[in-house]
PDB file of N, CA and C in Angstrom:
ATOM      1  N   UNK A   1     -88.236 -92.893  91.694  1.00  0.00           N
ATOM      2  CA  UNK A   1     -89.269 -93.822  92.042  1.00  0.00           C
ATOM      3  C   UNK A   1     -88.720 -94.932  92.918  1.00  0.00           C
ATOM      4  N   UNK A   2     -89.557 -95.487  93.749  1.00  0.00           N
ATOM      5  CA  UNK A   2     -89.151 -96.588  94.614  1.00  0.00           C
ATOM      6  C   UNK A   2     -89.834 -97.867  94.149  1.00  0.00           C
ATOM      7  N   UNK A   3     -89.035 -98.920  94.044  1.00  0.00           N
ATOM      8  CA  UNK A   3     -89.544-100.215  93.609  1.00  0.00           C
ATOM      9  C   UNK A   3     -89.156-101.260  94.643  1.00  0.00           C
ATOM     10  N   UNK A   4     -89.912-102.352  94.675  1.00  0.00           N
ATOM     11  CA  UNK A   4     -89.617-103.451  95.583  1.00  0.00           C
ATOM     12  C   UNK A   4     -89.707-104.751  94.800  1.00  0.00           C
ATOM     13  N   UNK A   5     -88.775-105.655  95.066  1.00  0.00           N
ATOM     14  CA  UNK A   5     -88.722-106.928  94.365  1.00  0.00           C
ATOM     15  C   UNK A   5     -88.577-108.042  95.398  1.00  0.00           C
ATOM     16  N   UNK A   6     -89.589-108.885  95.527  1.00  0.00           N
ATOM     17  CA  UNK A   6     -89.575-109.991  96.494  1.00  0.00           C
ATOM     18  C   UNK A   6     -89.110-111.254  95.782  1.00  0.00           C
ATOM     19  N   UNK A   7     -87.891-111.681  96.096  1.00  0.00           N
ATOM     20  CA  UNK A   7     -87.296-112.864  95.469  1.00  0.00           C
ATOM     21  C   UNK A   7     -87.186-114.025  96.447  1.00  0.00           C
ATOM     22  N   UNK A   8     -87.934-113.966  97.546  1.00  0.00           N
ATOM     23  CA  UNK A   8     -87.811-114.977  98.601  1.00  0.00           C
ATOM     24  C   UNK A   8     -88.295-116.354  98.158  1.00  0.00           C
ATOM     25  N   UNK A   9     -89.103-116.451  97.133  1.00  0.00           N
ATOM     26  CA  UNK A   9     -89.622-117.744  96.691  1.00  0.00           C
ATOM     27  C   UNK A   9     -88.768-118.425  95.645  1.00  0.00           C
ATOM     28  N   UNK A  10     -87.599-117.866  95.349  1.00  0.00           N
ATOM     29  CA  UNK A  10     -86.751-118.395  94.282  1.00  0.00           C
ATOM     30  C   UNK A  10     -85.396-118.845  94.811  1.00  0.00           C
ATOM     31  N   UNK A  11     -84.811-119.830  94.126  1.00  0.00           N
ATOM     32  CA  UNK A  11     -83.475-120.319  94.472  1.00  0.00           C
ATOM     33  C   UNK A  11     -82.479-119.793  93.445  1.00  0.00           C
ATOM     34  N   UNK A  12     -81.245-119.571  93.911  1.00  0.00           N
ATOM     35  CA  UNK A  12     -80.183-119.104  93.017  1.00  0.00           C
ATOM     36  C   UNK A  12     -79.978-120.117  91.900  1.00  0.00           C
ATOM     37  N   UNK A  13     -79.732-119.621  90.721  1.00  0.00           N
ATOM     38  CA  UNK A  13     -79.324-118.271  90.332  1.00  0.00           C
ATOM     39  C   UNK A  13     -80.471-117.361  89.888  1.00  0.00           C
ATOM     40  N   UNK A  14     -81.720-117.814  89.944  1.00  0.00           N
ATOM     41  CA  UNK A  14     -82.836-116.990  89.463  1.00  0.00           C
ATOM     42  C   UNK A  14     -82.915-115.609  90.108  1.00  0.00           C
ATOM     43  N   UNK A  15     -82.748-115.473  91.440  1.00  0.00           N
ATOM     44  CA  UNK A  15     -82.810-114.134  92.020  1.00  0.00           C
ATOM     45  C   UNK A  15     -81.787-113.165  91.427  1.00  0.00           C
ATOM     46  N   UNK A  16     -80.603-113.653  91.116  1.00  0.00           N
ATOM     47  CA  UNK A  16     -79.582-112.795  90.502  1.00  0.00           C
ATOM     48  C   UNK A  16     -80.027-112.302  89.131  1.00  0.00           C
ATOM     49  N   UNK A  17     -80.559-113.208  88.315  1.00  0.00           N
ATOM     50  CA  UNK A  17     -81.008-112.829  86.978  1.00  0.00           C
ATOM     51  C   UNK A  17     -82.180-111.849  87.045  1.00  0.00           C
ATOM     52  N   UNK A  18     -83.111-112.113  87.959  1.00  0.00           N
ATOM     53  CA  UNK A  18     -84.282-111.254  88.086  1.00  0.00           C
ATOM     54  C   UNK A  18     -83.898-109.868  88.620  1.00  0.00           C
ATOM     55  N   UNK A  19     -82.961-109.835  89.572  1.00  0.00           N
ATOM     56  CA  UNK A  19     -82.494-108.556  90.110  1.00  0.00           C
ATOM     57  C   UNK A  19     -81.761-107.765  89.033  1.00  0.00           C
ATOM     58  N   UNK A  20     -80.936-108.426  88.256  1.00  0.00           N
ATOM     59  CA  UNK A  20     -80.197-107.762  87.175  1.00  0.00           C
ATOM     60  C   UNK A  20     -81.162-107.138  86.179  1.00  0.00           C
ATOM     61  N   UNK A  21     -82.211-107.872  85.812  1.00  0.00           N
ATOM     62  CA  UNK A  21     -83.202-107.333  84.875  1.00  0.00           C
ATOM     63  C   UNK A  21     -83.885-106.101  85.459  1.00  0.00           C
ATOM     64  N   UNK A  22     -84.250-106.159  86.731  1.00  0.00           N
ATOM     65  CA  UNK A  22     -84.892-105.014  87.388  1.00  0.00           C
ATOM     66  C   UNK A  22     -83.932-103.832  87.473  1.00  0.00           C
ATOM     67  N   UNK A  23     -82.662-104.096  87.746  1.00  0.00           N
ATOM     68  CA  UNK A  23     -81.665-103.033  87.843  1.00  0.00           C
ATOM     69  C   UNK A  23     -81.475-102.338  86.495  1.00  0.00           C
ATOM     70  N   UNK A  24     -81.556-103.090  85.419  1.00  0.00           N
ATOM     71  CA  UNK A  24     -81.392-102.522  84.084  1.00  0.00           C
ATOM     72  C   UNK A  24     -82.487-101.505  83.762  1.00  0.00           C
ATOM     73  N   UNK A  25     -83.649-101.654  84.396  1.00  0.00           N
ATOM     74  CA  UNK A  25     -84.781-100.757  84.131  1.00  0.00           C
ATOM     75  C   UNK A  25     -84.783 -99.506  85.008  1.00  0.00           C
ATOM     76  N   UNK A  26     -83.887 -99.446  86.006  1.00  0.00           N
ATOM     77  CA  UNK A  26     -83.868 -98.291  86.902  1.00  0.00           C
ATOM     78  C   UNK A  26     -83.284 -97.061  86.211  1.00  0.00           C
ATOM     79  N   UNK A  27     -83.818 -95.926  86.575  1.00  0.00           N
ATOM     80  CA  UNK A  27     -83.296 -94.654  86.081  1.00  0.00           C
ATOM     81  C   UNK A  27     -82.598 -93.933  87.235  1.00  0.00           C
ATOM     82  N   UNK A  28     -81.788 -92.946  86.921  1.00  0.00           N
ATOM     83  CA  UNK A  28     -81.042 -92.207  87.936  1.00  0.00           C
ATOM     84  C   UNK A  28     -81.988 -91.696  89.022  1.00  0.00           C
ATOM     85  N   UNK A  29     -81.631 -91.951  90.274  1.00  0.00           N
ATOM     86  CA  UNK A  29     -82.432 -91.529  91.418  1.00  0.00           C
ATOM     87  C   UNK A  29     -83.453 -92.553  91.881  1.00  0.00           C
ATOM     88  N   UNK A  30     -83.735 -93.592  91.070  1.00  0.00           N
ATOM     89  CA  UNK A  30     -84.662 -94.643  91.475  1.00  0.00           C
ATOM     90  C   UNK A  30     -84.026 -95.515  92.555  1.00  0.00           C
ATOM     91  N   UNK A  31     -84.873 -96.143  93.369  1.00  0.00           N
ATOM     92  CA  UNK A  31     -84.359 -97.100  94.349  1.00  0.00           C
ATOM     93  C   UNK A  31     -85.102 -98.418  94.196  1.00  0.00           C
ATOM     94  N   UNK A  32     -84.418 -99.493  94.512  1.00  0.00           N
ATOM     95  CA  UNK A  32     -84.970-100.832  94.396  1.00  0.00           C
ATOM     96  C   UNK A  32     -84.689-101.580  95.688  1.00  0.00           C
ATOM     97  N   UNK A  33     -85.749-101.973  96.385  1.00  0.00           N
ATOM     98  CA  UNK A  33     -85.611-102.788  97.586  1.00  0.00           C
ATOM     99  C   UNK A  33     -85.722-104.244  97.156  1.00  0.00           C
ATOM    100  N   UNK A  34     -84.752-105.051  97.548  1.00  0.00           N
ATOM    101  CA  UNK A  34     -84.732-106.461  97.170  1.00  0.00           C
ATOM    102  C   UNK A  34     -84.835-107.308  98.431  1.00  0.00           C
ATOM    103  N   UNK A  35     -85.784-108.248  98.425  1.00  0.00           N
ATOM    104  CA  UNK A  35     -85.968-109.180  99.532  1.00  0.00           C
ATOM    105  C   UNK A  35     -85.484-110.554  99.074  1.00  0.00           C
ATOM    106  N   UNK A  36     -84.576-111.129  99.839  1.00  0.00           N
ATOM    107  CA  UNK A  36     -84.007-112.445  99.525  1.00  0.00           C
ATOM    108  C   UNK A  36     -84.269-113.399 100.670  1.00  0.00           C
ATOM    109  N   UNK A  37     -84.276-114.696 100.357  1.00  0.00           N
ATOM    110  CA  UNK A  37     -84.290-115.674 101.444  1.00  0.00           C
ATOM    111  C   UNK A  37     -82.859-115.911 101.892  1.00  0.00           C
ATOM    112  N   UNK A  38     -82.690-116.570 102.991  1.00  0.00           N
ATOM    113  CA  UNK A  38     -81.349-116.773 103.554  1.00  0.00           C
ATOM    114  C   UNK A  38     -80.479-117.681 102.684  1.00  0.00           C
ATOM    115  N   UNK A  39     -81.082-118.445 101.757  1.00  0.00           N
ATOM    116  CA  UNK A  39     -80.277-119.315 100.904  1.00  0.00           C
ATOM    117  C   UNK A  39     -79.552-118.530  99.811  1.00  0.00           C
ATOM    118  N   UNK A  40     -80.054-117.358  99.480  1.00  0.00           N
ATOM    119  CA  UNK A  40     -79.397-116.526  98.468  1.00  0.00           C
ATOM    120  C   UNK A  40     -78.148-115.892  99.065  1.00  0.00           C
ATOM    121  N   UNK A  41     -77.128-115.778  98.268  1.00  0.00           N
ATOM    122  CA  UNK A  41     -75.864-115.245  98.744  1.00  0.00           C
ATOM    123  C   UNK A  41     -75.832-113.728  98.600  1.00  0.00           C
ATOM    124  N   UNK A  42     -75.772-113.046  99.720  1.00  0.00           N
ATOM    125  CA  UNK A  42     -75.678-111.588  99.695  1.00  0.00           C
ATOM    126  C   UNK A  42     -74.396-111.147  99.003  1.00  0.00           C
ATOM    127  N   UNK A  43     -73.326-111.928  99.135  1.00  0.00           N
ATOM    128  CA  UNK A  43     -72.050-111.588  98.494  1.00  0.00           C
ATOM    129  C   UNK A  43     -72.204-111.537  96.973  1.00  0.00           C
ATOM    130  N   UNK A  44     -72.995-112.463  96.406  1.00  0.00           N
ATOM    131  CA  UNK A  44     -73.228-112.449  94.958  1.00  0.00           C
ATOM    132  C   UNK A  44     -73.954-111.176  94.537  1.00  0.00           C
ATOM    133  N   UNK A  45     -74.915-110.738  95.358  1.00  0.00           N
ATOM    134  CA  UNK A  45     -75.655-109.524  95.038  1.00  0.00           C
ATOM    135  C   UNK A  45     -74.776-108.285  95.192  1.00  0.00           C
ATOM    136  N   UNK A  46     -73.901-108.284  96.194  1.00  0.00           N
ATOM    137  CA  UNK A  46     -72.987-107.156  96.364  1.00  0.00           C
ATOM    138  C   UNK A  46     -72.069-107.031  95.151  1.00  0.00           C
ATOM    139  N   UNK A  47     -71.596-108.149  94.628  1.00  0.00           N
ATOM    140  CA  UNK A  47     -70.741-108.137  93.435  1.00  0.00           C
ATOM    141  C   UNK A  47     -71.518-107.622  92.224  1.00  0.00           C
ATOM    142  N   UNK A  48     -72.755-108.078  92.063  1.00  0.00           N
ATOM    143  CA  UNK A  48     -73.600-107.611  90.971  1.00  0.00           C
ATOM    144  C   UNK A  48     -73.797-106.100  91.040  1.00  0.00           C
ATOM    145  N   UNK A  49     -74.025-105.605  92.232  1.00  0.00           N
ATOM    146  CA  UNK A  49     -74.234-104.172  92.442  1.00  0.00           C
ATOM    147  C   UNK A  49     -72.972-103.383  92.084  1.00  0.00           C
ATOM    148  N   UNK A  50     -71.826-103.861  92.545  1.00  0.00           N
ATOM    149  CA  UNK A  50     -70.564-103.166  92.267  1.00  0.00           C
ATOM    150  C   UNK A  50     -70.260-103.151  90.773  1.00  0.00           C
ATOM    151  N   UNK A  51     -70.491-104.269  90.102  1.00  0.00           N
ATOM    152  CA  UNK A  51     -70.204-104.360  88.675  1.00  0.00           C
ATOM    153  C   UNK A  51     -71.096-103.440  87.848  1.00  0.00           C
ATOM    154  N   UNK A  52     -72.271-103.103  88.391  1.00  0.00           N
ATOM    155  CA  UNK A  52     -73.215-102.269  87.653  1.00  0.00           C
ATOM    156  C   UNK A  52     -73.295-100.847  88.202  1.00  0.00           C
ATOM    157  N   UNK A  53     -72.332-100.495  89.055  1.00  0.00           N
ATOM    158  CA  UNK A  53     -72.184 -99.129  89.568  1.00  0.00           C
ATOM    159  C   UNK A  53     -73.414 -98.607  90.311  1.00  0.00           C
ATOM    160  N   UNK A  54     -74.038 -99.456  91.099  1.00  0.00           N
ATOM    161  CA  UNK A  54     -75.131 -99.028  91.959  1.00  0.00           C
ATOM    162  C   UNK A  54     -74.597 -98.809  93.362  1.00  0.00           C
ATOM    163  N   UNK A  55     -75.316 -98.042  94.129  1.00  0.00           N
ATOM    164  CA  UNK A  55     -74.941 -97.784  95.520  1.00  0.00           C
ATOM    165  C   UNK A  55     -75.899 -98.568  96.416  1.00  0.00           C
ATOM    166  N   UNK A  56     -75.345 -99.286  97.391  1.00  0.00           N
ATOM    167  CA  UNK A  56     -76.183 -99.995  98.358  1.00  0.00           C
ATOM    168  C   UNK A  56     -76.433 -99.050  99.518  1.00  0.00           C
ATOM    169  N   UNK A  57     -77.696 -98.732  99.767  1.00  0.00           N
ATOM    170  CA  UNK A  57     -78.033 -97.867 100.899  1.00  0.00           C
ATOM    171  C   UNK A  57     -78.117 -98.667 102.193  1.00  0.00           C
ATOM    172  N   UNK A  58     -78.846 -99.754 102.164  1.00  0.00           N
ATOM    173  CA  UNK A  58     -78.981-100.618 103.335  1.00  0.00           C
ATOM    174  C   UNK A  58     -78.396-101.956 102.928  1.00  0.00           C
ATOM    175  N   UNK A  59     -77.269-102.326 103.504  1.00  0.00           N
ATOM    176  CA  UNK A  59     -76.586-103.534 103.048  1.00  0.00           C
ATOM    177  C   UNK A  59     -77.327-104.797 103.470  1.00  0.00           C
ATOM    178  N   UNK A  60     -77.681-104.910 104.735  1.00  0.00           N
ATOM    179  CA  UNK A  60     -78.361-106.127 105.174  1.00  0.00           C
ATOM    180  C   UNK A  60     -79.227-105.823 106.380  1.00  0.00           C
ATOM    181  N   UNK A  61     -80.387-106.403 106.379  1.00  0.00           N
ATOM    182  CA  UNK A  61     -81.316-106.238 107.481  1.00  0.00           C
ATOM    183  C   UNK A  61     -82.080-107.558 107.589  1.00  0.00           C
ATOM    184  N   UNK A  62     -81.852-108.313 108.648  1.00  0.00           N
ATOM    185  CA  UNK A  62     -82.483-109.624 108.798  1.00  0.00           C
ATOM    186  C   UNK A  62     -83.873-109.474 109.389  1.00  0.00           C
ATOM    187  N   UNK A  63     -84.854-110.002 108.676  1.00  0.00           N
ATOM    188  CA  UNK A  63     -86.237-109.986 109.131  1.00  0.00           C
ATOM    189  C   UNK A  63     -86.873-111.311 108.758  1.00  0.00           C
ATOM    190  N   UNK A  64     -87.228-112.120 109.751  1.00  0.00           N
ATOM    191  CA  UNK A  64     -87.922-113.385 109.510  1.00  0.00           C
ATOM    192  C   UNK A  64     -87.249-114.221 108.422  1.00  0.00           C
ATOM    193  N   UNK A  65     -85.976-114.518 108.583  1.00  0.00           N
ATOM    194  CA  UNK A  65     -85.195-115.316 107.638  1.00  0.00           C
ATOM    195  C   UNK A  65     -85.123-114.709 106.243  1.00  0.00           C
ATOM    196  N   UNK A  66     -85.230-113.394 106.153  1.00  0.00           N
ATOM    197  CA  UNK A  66     -85.103-112.712 104.871  1.00  0.00           C
ATOM    198  C   UNK A  66     -83.974-111.694 104.965  1.00  0.00           C
ATOM    199  N   UNK A  67     -83.367-111.417 103.852  1.00  0.00           N
ATOM    200  CA  UNK A  67     -82.361-110.363 103.749  1.00  0.00           C
ATOM    201  C   UNK A  67     -82.984-109.243 102.928  1.00  0.00           C
ATOM    202  N   UNK A  68     -82.914-108.033 103.429  1.00  0.00           N
ATOM    203  CA  UNK A  68     -83.482-106.887 102.720  1.00  0.00           C
ATOM    204  C   UNK A  68     -82.375-105.864 102.496  1.00  0.00           C
ATOM    205  N   UNK A  69     -82.227-105.397 101.263  1.00  0.00           N
ATOM    206  CA  UNK A  69     -81.312-104.293 101.027  1.00  0.00           C
ATOM    207  C   UNK A  69     -81.869-103.409  99.925  1.00  0.00           C
ATOM    208  N   UNK A  70     -81.419-102.193  99.901  1.00  0.00           N
ATOM    209  CA  UNK A  70     -81.926-101.202  98.956  1.00  0.00           C
ATOM    210  C   UNK A  70     -80.807-100.695  98.071  1.00  0.00           C
ATOM    211  N   UNK A  71     -81.067-100.600  96.776  1.00  0.00           N
ATOM    212  CA  UNK A  71     -80.109-100.078  95.801  1.00  0.00           C
ATOM    213  C   UNK A  71     -80.554 -98.707  95.356  1.00  0.00           C
ATOM    214  N   UNK A  72     -79.605 -97.838  95.082  1.00  0.00           N
ATOM    215  CA  UNK A  72     -79.896 -96.509  94.567  1.00  0.00           C
ATOM    216  C   UNK A  72     -79.192 -96.355  93.228  1.00  0.00           C
ATOM    217  N   UNK A  73     -79.960 -96.082  92.184  1.00  0.00           N
ATOM    218  CA  UNK A  73     -79.381 -95.888  90.855  1.00  0.00           C
ATOM    219  C   UNK A  73     -78.682 -94.533  90.814  1.00  0.00           C
ATOM    220  N   UNK A  74     -77.475 -94.508  90.320  1.00  0.00           N
ATOM    221  CA  UNK A  74     -76.691 -93.265  90.260  1.00  0.00           C
ATOM    222  C   UNK A  74     -76.687 -92.692  88.866  1.00  0.00           C
TER     223      UNK A  74
END
């Protein structure tokens, strides 16, 4: 299944906590697209992804001051 999570209206650390909760609900083969504002640190999200053994399909894509990346549950 494909899911999308828009975190552009939140300031850190809330996006990290919300993304972690969403990641915990993913099943093998699911994907999660996460939209962040430029104030959120992509490096923090990359670390979260690595620690939880997810694969980043699209690392960064800048669109209208937003960062978009997709995770794939393994």
